[in-house]
Each structure stands twice: as C-alpha cells, then as structure tokens.
C-alpha cells in the first residue's frame, strides 16, 4: 500500500526561537590572526555581524510565512520521511517538473521561483511555459527531518524521488537539479528513464574519454578550468573529506552552536557564488539565514552531511552504471565549482542543450532567480507534451 501523503505546515514553537537567541547571545568566538580575512575559513568580523543580525533583527516568523506560502506535504519513501512542495499550475497542460536541491542548500533556494514556474501568467510570462512543480527536501535535510537508517545515499534519494513522482501519478516529467540535486536527478534518469522526458542540471560531471590523453581536444578555456580545478581541489575540499569520513564528530559542534553552523554553511555560499568575495552581493543576510534556519530548527546538519559519507566516503562511491540517455541540458553558471568540459560530459550524458549563463554560481535559483526561471522555461519548450499532463489534485 502506498505511503500516506499528509499536508504539512511549518510551525516552530517560540521556545525554539528563545533558545536560539540565548545561544547566539552566549556565543564564544575563536581568535583570528591579523590580516587573515577568509583565508582560514569564515572571517570573524563578518560572522559576528551576521550573528548579531540573526539575534536582533532577523524575523523567523516572516520567513516561516514564506515557507508556508505554497502547499507542502509529508510522506514516506525509501523508509525515510520526505517533505515536498507540490504546486499544481492553474494551466491544465502544465508540464510536471521536479527540482532537487543540494548541500548546504535547501528548499529555501527555490522560494522565489515556485510562483513563476507554476503560474507564469501571474508573473508576466506565457501560459505555455507552466509547470506542475514538485520540490522535495532530500531526506535528511530540513523539513524532511533526519534520516534514520544507514546507507541513505544519492541513489536512495533518487529512488525516493521516483517513488514520489509515481505516487503523484506524474509521467513524462522533467527532472532538474544542482549539487546533490544533479546527482540525484541523474540517477532518476537511470531508474525512471521511460517516464522522464528530459534532464536539466546546473552541475555536470564527467571525465576524459581517453584517460591516457585527458587534455586532448580541450579548448583554451577548458584547459584553464582543468588547472583551476586542480588548485580548487587542493584548497577547498576539506569539507568533503571530513563529511565523507567522520561527519558525526563534526556534527556535535554544528548542532550545538548556531554560530558554528552559520560559519560552516555561509563560507560555502560565499566561495561558491558569483559575488567577488562579498557574499551579500549575491544574497541578503535574511536569505542566508532562511537557509541556515532550516538546518538549525530541524536538527538536520548531521544527516545532511552524512550524504557525503554514504555517497562519497572511501569505498562507498558508486558511479552511474551507464551513460544517461535521457535528453540532457546543462546550464553553466560562471561561478559554478564544477565546470566540466562538454566533451567529457558527453561521455556520461546525452547532451542536447548546453547553455553558458552570464551570471550566477552554485546556488543558481537563489542567486539568479529570474535567469534560472527563464532557462528552465526555454529548455523545456522542446519537451512539452502533446497531450494534457496528468497528476493528482493535491
């Protein structure tokens, strides 16, 4: 029997907010070397400023109203709890679309794009670009709550998404994602190939077709990227190592300290966005904290980090078993941390569309919501169904 789908409304008790304010008020900050800036990690003065704002000016109730502005539901999939937005378009011929976030993001990334994607006419667009929108919180993240079983990796998350789309009776849908959402959507294209019209991903993987001559055929820009990526991997991937090997040890501090949690997450938003070193050129403090709060209030930073242990830890990484044959589009944002050469990506994906975006980074929907919506609409036009899409009336 299919798992029950029940409506969900976020309602955080005042006691949780009072506890947060008390912890922020009692923060014990570490020292910082003179002139260190962000070289060693999150810069001390910025974190103080952010946490003071969090304690004194940030309004969770206003954020909570934004999270509750669209229909949300809870179900069970792959043995874990799964929260998701399901926003049916007023347009009967809308195309089903499932969008999956990554780490250290959440459904907070998508608050500004749900409306334009599901109801384009109300946002100055064309009715023919409408989507029935499904946006899950990966089990272990945010409102889905912590995962309860070992082995929940990106493949299991993909199977959970497939279960969800089947439960909603959606066929002929588009899967979209970035970061873990890219990997999860790619696995969906393997598991549910007959039902996926197309795959659209912000971050794309791939390696050289000829490992003996890996740089063969690359452009000057692609060669420069390969060199950049070597340097990036040397200096910027410590989080992958610790989350892929000892996430529990890290989680004690991040679960107990809001300032520690903010420092761990916001440093990535700064490094991975198109902000030229000033994170607030890309995101306001409120938007940064909306995302941090989903981890804090739900106690999910540990289970979210475990995705690295289960999916990338030593001896646990499982590559896609074959080439993804579902028609695949890739939007390359200039500050994305993985800008795989197209010839490499074509080894693993049936690339039919490749767009180079003018602005934006890793958290594309949050950083450049208008460009993100325009790109998804443009890509999907080639895959619009001839017949009326069908789904539940949730």
Protein backbone atom coordinates (compact mmCIF):
# COMPACT_ATOMS: atom_id res chain seq x y z
CA UNK A 1 0.00 0.00 0.00
CA UNK A 2 1.44 3.43 -0.93
CA UNK A 3 2.51 5.60 1.97
CA UNK A 4 0.05 8.26 3.04
CA UNK A 5 0.59 11.84 1.88
CA UNK A 6 -0.37 14.38 4.54
CA UNK A 7 -0.38 18.20 4.42
CA UNK A 8 2.43 19.95 6.26
CA UNK A 9 2.69 23.42 7.77
CA UNK A 10 5.82 24.75 9.43
CA UNK A 11 5.02 25.93 12.97
CA UNK A 12 8.14 26.42 15.09
CA UNK A 13 7.42 26.95 18.80
CA UNK A 14 8.53 30.18 20.46
CA UNK A 15 10.68 28.15 22.85
CA UNK A 16 12.96 27.10 19.96
CA UNK A 17 13.44 30.72 18.94
CA UNK A 18 14.16 31.80 22.51
CA UNK A 19 16.75 29.03 22.82
CA UNK A 20 18.39 30.18 19.58
CA UNK A 21 18.57 33.80 20.77
CA UNK A 22 20.09 32.69 24.08
CA UNK A 23 22.74 30.60 22.33
CA UNK A 24 23.60 33.47 19.98
CA UNK A 25 23.88 35.82 22.95
CA UNK A 26 26.34 33.46 24.65
CA UNK A 27 28.49 32.73 21.60
CA UNK A 28 32.17 32.18 22.39
CA UNK A 29 34.07 33.20 19.28
CA UNK A 30 37.54 31.91 18.38
CA UNK A 31 40.54 34.13 17.78
CA UNK A 32 41.60 35.18 14.29
CA UNK A 33 45.05 36.10 13.04
CA UNK A 34 45.59 39.69 11.95
CA UNK A 35 45.04 40.08 8.22
CA UNK A 36 43.66 36.52 7.86
CA UNK A 37 40.49 37.66 6.09
CA UNK A 38 38.75 34.48 4.73
CA UNK A 39 41.98 32.55 4.12
CA UNK A 40 41.50 30.20 7.08
CA UNK A 41 37.72 29.95 6.76
CA UNK A 42 34.82 32.19 7.71
CA UNK A 43 36.04 35.65 8.64
CA UNK A 44 35.48 36.57 12.30
CA UNK A 45 34.11 40.10 11.91
CA UNK A 46 31.62 39.06 9.25
CA UNK A 47 30.35 36.17 11.34
CA UNK A 48 29.91 38.46 14.36
CA UNK A 49 27.94 40.88 12.22
CA UNK A 50 25.77 38.10 10.80
CA UNK A 51 25.07 36.53 14.19
CA UNK A 52 24.25 39.90 15.77
CA UNK A 53 21.77 40.49 12.95
CA UNK A 54 20.39 36.98 13.43
CA UNK A 55 19.81 37.59 17.13
CA UNK A 56 18.50 41.16 16.97
CA UNK A 57 16.86 41.76 13.59
CA UNK A 58 16.15 38.55 11.71
CA UNK A 59 12.42 37.69 11.70
CA UNK A 60 11.78 33.95 11.55
CA UNK A 61 8.02 34.41 11.58
CA UNK A 62 8.28 36.39 8.37
CA UNK A 63 10.42 33.63 6.87
CA UNK A 64 8.02 30.97 8.15
CA UNK A 65 5.18 32.68 6.31
CA UNK A 66 7.23 32.48 3.08
CA UNK A 67 7.85 28.77 3.58
CA UNK A 68 4.13 28.25 4.22
CA UNK A 69 3.02 30.26 1.18
CA UNK A 70 2.85 27.15 -1.04
CA UNK A 71 1.29 23.71 -0.45
CA UNK A 72 3.62 21.32 1.39
CA UNK A 73 3.27 17.66 2.24
CA UNK A 74 4.96 14.82 4.12
CA UNK A 75 5.15 11.20 3.04
CA UNK A 76 7.44 8.19 3.44
CA UNK A 77 9.80 6.98 0.73
CA UNK A 78 12.68 4.51 0.84
CA UNK A 79 12.00 4.06 4.54
CA UNK A 80 12.57 7.73 5.36
CA UNK A 81 10.40 10.79 5.84
CA UNK A 82 10.11 13.01 2.78
CA UNK A 83 8.87 16.61 2.79
CA UNK A 84 7.97 18.22 -0.50
CA UNK A 85 6.28 21.18 -2.10
CA UNK A 86 3.63 20.28 -4.67
CA UNK A 87 2.32 23.32 -6.51
CA UNK A 88 -0.07 22.50 -9.31
CA UNK A 89 -0.30 25.07 -12.04
CA UNK A 90 -3.65 26.66 -12.92
CA UNK A 91 -2.75 25.77 -16.52
CA UNK A 92 -4.17 22.29 -17.28
CA UNK A 93 -1.46 21.45 -19.84
CA UNK A 94 1.41 22.27 -17.48
CA UNK A 95 4.47 20.02 -17.62
CA UNK A 96 5.46 18.16 -14.42
CA UNK A 97 8.82 19.33 -13.07
CA UNK A 98 10.74 18.01 -10.06
CA UNK A 99 13.54 20.23 -8.76
CA UNK A 100 16.03 18.91 -6.20
CA UNK A 101 18.42 20.99 -4.09
CA UNK A 102 21.87 20.09 -2.78
CA UNK A 103 24.24 20.78 0.13
CA UNK A 104 24.44 23.12 2.01
CA UNK A 105 21.28 24.39 0.38
CA UNK A 106 17.63 23.50 0.88
CA UNK A 107 14.19 24.27 -0.48
CA UNK A 108 14.90 27.83 0.71
CA UNK A 109 16.79 28.20 -2.58
CA UNK A 110 13.55 27.96 -4.55
CA UNK A 111 11.13 30.28 -2.76
CA UNK A 112 11.39 32.95 -5.48
CA UNK A 113 10.99 30.58 -8.43
CA UNK A 114 7.99 28.45 -7.39
CA UNK A 115 5.45 31.09 -8.40
CA UNK A 116 6.91 31.98 -11.82
CA UNK A 117 7.40 28.31 -12.70
CA UNK A 118 3.91 27.18 -11.67
CA UNK A 119 1.92 30.26 -12.71
CA UNK A 120 3.84 32.13 -15.42
CA UNK A 121 0.86 34.29 -16.45
CA UNK A 122 0.67 35.80 -12.96
CA UNK A 123 4.35 36.69 -13.27
CA UNK A 124 4.30 38.23 -16.73
CA UNK A 125 5.01 35.01 -18.63
CA UNK A 126 3.28 32.74 -21.11
CA UNK A 127 0.76 30.08 -20.10
CA UNK A 128 2.56 27.60 -22.36
CA UNK A 129 5.57 27.68 -20.04
CA UNK A 130 3.70 26.44 -16.97
CA UNK A 131 4.86 23.59 -14.73
CA UNK A 132 3.27 21.45 -12.07
CA UNK A 133 6.10 21.92 -9.56
CA UNK A 134 7.40 19.29 -7.14
CA UNK A 135 10.28 20.33 -4.88
CA UNK A 136 11.39 17.75 -2.28
CA UNK A 137 13.56 18.30 0.74
CA UNK A 138 16.11 15.49 0.39
CA UNK A 139 15.51 13.04 3.27
CA UNK A 140 17.89 14.13 6.00
CA UNK A 141 17.52 17.80 5.09
CA UNK A 142 15.26 20.48 6.50
CA UNK A 143 11.59 19.66 6.93
CA UNK A 144 12.17 16.02 5.93
CA UNK A 145 13.96 15.62 9.25
CA UNK A 146 16.97 13.41 10.00
CA UNK A 147 17.38 10.10 8.20
CA UNK A 148 17.11 7.06 10.46
CA UNK A 149 18.95 4.32 8.57
CA UNK A 150 22.46 3.71 7.33
CA UNK A 151 23.19 3.72 3.61
CA UNK A 152 20.89 6.55 2.52
CA UNK A 153 22.95 7.87 -0.37
CA UNK A 154 22.14 9.88 -3.50
CA UNK A 155 20.89 6.71 -5.23
CA UNK A 156 18.35 6.11 -2.47
CA UNK A 157 17.37 9.78 -2.63
CA UNK A 158 16.77 9.34 -6.37
CA UNK A 159 14.62 6.28 -5.72
CA UNK A 160 12.67 8.29 -3.15
CA UNK A 161 12.03 10.99 -5.76
CA UNK A 162 10.91 8.38 -8.28
CA UNK A 163 8.53 6.90 -5.69
CA UNK A 164 7.16 10.38 -5.08
CA UNK A 165 6.51 11.12 -8.75
CA UNK A 166 4.83 7.73 -9.17
CA UNK A 167 2.67 8.38 -6.12
CA UNK A 168 1.62 11.71 -7.62
CA UNK A 169 0.86 9.89 -10.90
CA UNK A 170 3.24 12.05 -12.93
CA UNK A 171 4.66 10.68 -16.15
CA UNK A 172 6.58 12.46 -18.85
CA UNK A 173 8.22 14.84 -16.41
CA UNK A 174 11.44 16.87 -16.33
CA UNK A 175 13.99 16.38 -13.54
CA UNK A 176 16.17 19.35 -12.59
CA UNK A 177 18.88 19.82 -10.00
CA UNK A 178 22.21 21.19 -8.89
CA UNK A 179 24.87 19.87 -6.49
CA UNK A 180 23.45 16.66 -4.93
CA UNK A 181 20.29 17.50 -6.87
CA UNK A 182 22.27 16.99 -10.06
CA UNK A 183 23.49 13.56 -8.97
CA UNK A 184 20.04 12.60 -7.66
CA UNK A 185 18.33 13.74 -10.86
CA UNK A 186 20.90 11.85 -12.93
CA UNK A 187 20.19 8.64 -11.02
CA UNK A 188 16.47 9.29 -11.55
CA UNK A 189 17.18 9.32 -15.29
CA UNK A 190 18.62 5.82 -14.87
CA UNK A 191 15.92 4.44 -12.55
CA UNK A 192 12.88 6.03 -14.24
CA UNK A 193 14.10 6.53 -17.80
CA UNK A 194 10.76 5.74 -19.52
CA UNK A 195 8.97 8.44 -17.53
CA UNK A 196 11.48 11.29 -17.76
CA UNK A 197 11.19 13.49 -20.82
CA UNK A 198 14.39 15.38 -20.12
CA UNK A 199 17.06 16.09 -17.54
CA UNK A 200 18.35 19.59 -16.78
CA UNK A 201 21.29 20.09 -14.42
CA UNK A 202 23.39 23.02 -13.26
CA UNK A 203 26.40 20.96 -12.18
CA UNK A 204 27.54 18.23 -14.52
CA UNK A 205 30.14 15.50 -14.05
CA UNK A 206 32.32 13.64 -16.49
CA UNK A 207 35.88 12.66 -17.24
CA UNK A 208 38.12 12.41 -20.29
CA UNK A 209 37.12 9.90 -22.92
CA UNK A 210 40.79 8.98 -23.28
CA UNK A 211 42.39 8.83 -19.80
CA UNK A 212 45.80 8.34 -21.42
CA UNK A 213 45.44 11.71 -23.12
CA UNK A 214 42.99 13.58 -20.88
CA UNK A 215 43.56 17.07 -22.29
CA UNK A 216 43.08 16.10 -25.91
CA UNK A 217 40.61 18.30 -27.74
CA UNK A 218 40.05 20.78 -24.92
CA UNK A 219 39.73 24.50 -25.67
CA UNK A 220 41.96 27.07 -24.00
CA UNK A 221 39.12 27.94 -21.60
CA UNK A 222 38.62 24.28 -20.75
CA UNK A 223 42.35 23.78 -20.19
CA UNK A 224 42.33 26.80 -17.86
CA UNK A 225 39.41 25.27 -15.97
CA UNK A 226 41.25 21.95 -15.50
CA UNK A 227 44.16 23.85 -13.96
CA UNK A 228 41.77 25.91 -11.81
CA UNK A 229 40.05 22.75 -10.60
CA UNK A 230 43.35 21.22 -9.51
CA UNK A 231 44.00 24.27 -7.35
CA UNK A 232 40.42 24.31 -6.08
CA UNK A 233 40.57 20.65 -5.04
CA UNK A 234 43.82 21.30 -3.16
CA UNK A 235 42.47 24.23 -1.14
CA UNK A 236 38.68 23.91 -0.97
CA UNK A 237 37.60 20.31 -0.41
CA UNK A 238 38.35 19.66 3.27
CA UNK A 239 34.61 19.66 3.98
CA UNK A 240 34.18 16.67 1.63
CA UNK A 241 36.87 14.71 3.43
CA UNK A 242 35.54 15.22 6.94
CA UNK A 243 31.88 14.81 5.95
CA UNK A 244 32.80 11.74 3.92
CA UNK A 245 34.67 10.09 6.80
CA UNK A 246 33.73 11.48 10.25
CA UNK A 247 30.52 13.52 9.95
CA UNK A 248 29.37 12.61 13.46
CA UNK A 249 32.37 14.28 15.11
CA UNK A 250 31.73 17.48 13.19
CA UNK A 251 28.01 17.39 13.95
CA UNK A 252 28.35 17.91 17.71
CA UNK A 253 29.64 21.43 17.27
CA UNK A 254 27.37 22.36 14.36
CA UNK A 255 24.25 21.04 16.10
CA UNK A 256 25.04 22.76 19.41
CA UNK A 257 26.29 26.13 18.14
CA UNK A 258 24.27 28.35 15.78
CA UNK A 259 27.32 30.49 15.08
CA UNK A 260 29.31 27.37 14.20
CA UNK A 261 26.55 26.17 11.88
CA UNK A 262 26.34 29.56 10.16
CA UNK A 263 30.11 29.69 9.73
CA UNK A 264 30.20 26.23 8.13
CA UNK A 265 27.38 27.00 5.69
CA UNK A 266 27.90 30.67 4.83
CA UNK A 267 31.54 30.14 3.91
CA UNK A 268 30.33 27.89 1.07
CA UNK A 269 27.74 30.39 -0.08
CA UNK A 270 30.50 33.00 -0.32
CA UNK A 271 33.01 30.75 -2.06
CA UNK A 272 30.54 29.17 -4.48
CA UNK A 273 28.60 32.25 -5.58
CA UNK A 274 29.28 34.90 -8.20
CA UNK A 275 29.96 37.58 -5.59
CA UNK A 276 33.63 38.56 -6.00
CA UNK A 277 34.30 37.77 -2.34
CA UNK A 278 31.35 39.73 -0.89
CA UNK A 279 28.63 37.19 -0.12
CA UNK A 280 25.99 39.89 0.27
CA UNK A 281 26.40 40.90 -3.35
CA UNK A 282 24.65 37.60 -4.08
CA UNK A 283 22.44 37.03 -1.02
CA UNK A 284 20.96 39.20 1.70
CA UNK A 285 21.51 38.26 5.32
CA UNK A 286 17.85 37.26 5.51
CA UNK A 287 18.14 34.83 2.60
CA UNK A 288 21.33 33.32 4.02
CA UNK A 289 19.68 32.86 7.40
CA UNK A 290 16.46 31.42 5.92
CA UNK A 291 18.60 28.55 4.67
CA UNK A 292 20.66 28.20 7.86
CA UNK A 293 17.47 28.15 9.92
CA UNK A 294 16.16 25.09 8.07
CA UNK A 295 19.20 23.18 9.30
CA UNK A 296 19.12 24.66 12.80
CA UNK A 297 15.43 24.30 13.61
CA UNK A 298 15.17 20.76 12.24
CA UNK A 299 18.48 19.49 13.63
CA UNK A 300 19.46 18.10 10.23
CA UNK A 301 23.04 19.24 9.66
CA UNK A 302 24.34 15.83 10.76
CA UNK A 303 22.07 13.80 8.49
CA UNK A 304 22.64 16.23 5.62
CA UNK A 305 26.40 15.89 6.00
CA UNK A 306 26.03 12.11 6.11
CA UNK A 307 25.10 12.20 2.42
CA UNK A 308 28.84 12.63 1.80
CA UNK A 309 29.71 9.64 3.99
CA UNK A 310 27.16 7.43 2.27
CA UNK A 311 27.74 8.65 -1.29
CA UNK A 312 31.42 9.63 -1.43
CA UNK A 313 33.20 8.05 1.51
CA UNK A 314 36.08 5.61 0.97
CA UNK A 315 34.80 2.52 -0.81
CA UNK A 316 31.25 3.85 -0.98
CA UNK A 317 31.24 5.92 -4.16
CA UNK A 318 29.14 4.34 -6.92
CA UNK A 319 29.32 5.92 -10.38
CA UNK A 320 26.39 5.91 -12.74
CA UNK A 321 26.17 2.37 -14.16
CA UNK A 322 25.86 3.59 -17.73
CA UNK A 323 25.50 6.68 -19.88
CA UNK A 324 22.40 8.75 -19.22
CA UNK A 325 20.41 8.52 -22.45
CA UNK A 326 17.59 10.83 -21.35
CA UNK A 327 17.99 14.11 -23.30
CA UNK A 328 20.12 16.29 -21.06
CA UNK A 329 20.56 20.03 -20.84
CA UNK A 330 23.25 21.81 -18.85
CA UNK A 331 23.25 25.43 -17.68
CA UNK A 332 26.78 26.53 -16.83
CA UNK A 333 26.87 29.39 -14.37
CA UNK A 334 30.21 31.24 -14.32
CA UNK A 335 30.95 30.73 -10.61
CA UNK A 336 29.94 27.05 -10.53
CA UNK A 337 32.59 24.98 -8.78
CA UNK A 338 32.50 22.20 -11.37
CA UNK A 339 32.65 23.33 -14.99
CA UNK A 340 33.25 20.02 -16.72
CA UNK A 341 34.31 20.29 -20.39
CA UNK A 342 31.47 19.38 -22.74
CA UNK A 343 33.45 16.62 -24.42
CA UNK A 344 33.92 15.00 -21.02
CA UNK A 345 30.25 15.40 -20.08
CA UNK A 346 29.16 13.82 -23.36
CA UNK A 347 30.82 10.59 -22.30
CA UNK A 348 28.27 10.25 -19.48
CA UNK A 349 25.23 12.17 -20.78
CA UNK A 350 23.16 12.52 -23.93
CA UNK A 351 23.79 16.26 -24.18
CA UNK A 352 21.21 18.01 -26.34
CA UNK A 353 21.49 21.53 -24.90
CA UNK A 354 24.44 23.43 -23.40
CA UNK A 355 23.96 26.98 -22.17
CA UNK A 356 26.62 29.32 -20.80
CA UNK A 357 24.97 31.72 -18.36
CA UNK A 358 26.18 35.27 -17.89
CA UNK A 359 25.90 35.49 -14.09
CA UNK A 360 25.44 33.24 -11.09
CA UNK A 361 27.02 30.38 -9.26
CA UNK A 362 26.34 27.15 -7.43
CA UNK A 363 23.02 28.21 -5.87
CA UNK A 364 21.57 29.39 -9.16
CA UNK A 365 17.87 29.57 -8.34
CA UNK A 366 18.55 31.60 -5.20
CA UNK A 367 21.25 33.83 -6.68
CA UNK A 368 19.73 34.49 -10.12
CA UNK A 369 16.05 33.50 -9.85
CA UNK A 370 14.89 35.29 -13.00
CA UNK A 371 17.65 33.81 -15.15
CA UNK A 372 17.03 30.38 -13.62
CA UNK A 373 13.31 30.52 -14.45
CA UNK A 374 13.96 31.78 -17.97
CA UNK A 375 16.46 28.99 -18.57
CA UNK A 376 14.15 26.23 -17.35
CA UNK A 377 11.29 27.59 -19.43
CA UNK A 378 13.47 27.84 -22.54
CA UNK A 379 14.89 24.34 -22.17
CA UNK A 380 11.52 22.72 -21.50
CA UNK A 381 9.82 24.08 -24.63
CA UNK A 382 11.37 21.33 -26.74
CA UNK A 383 9.88 18.69 -24.44
CA UNK A 384 6.35 19.94 -23.91
CA UNK A 385 3.85 17.08 -24.08
CA UNK A 386 1.32 16.93 -26.87
CA UNK A 387 -1.39 15.74 -24.51
CA UNK A 388 -2.57 17.14 -21.22
CA UNK A 389 -0.31 16.23 -18.31
CA UNK A 390 -1.88 14.16 -15.60
CA UNK A 391 -1.34 14.15 -11.88
CA UNK A 392 -3.05 14.15 -8.53
CA UNK A 393 -5.01 17.12 -7.30
CA UNK A 394 -3.04 17.63 -4.09
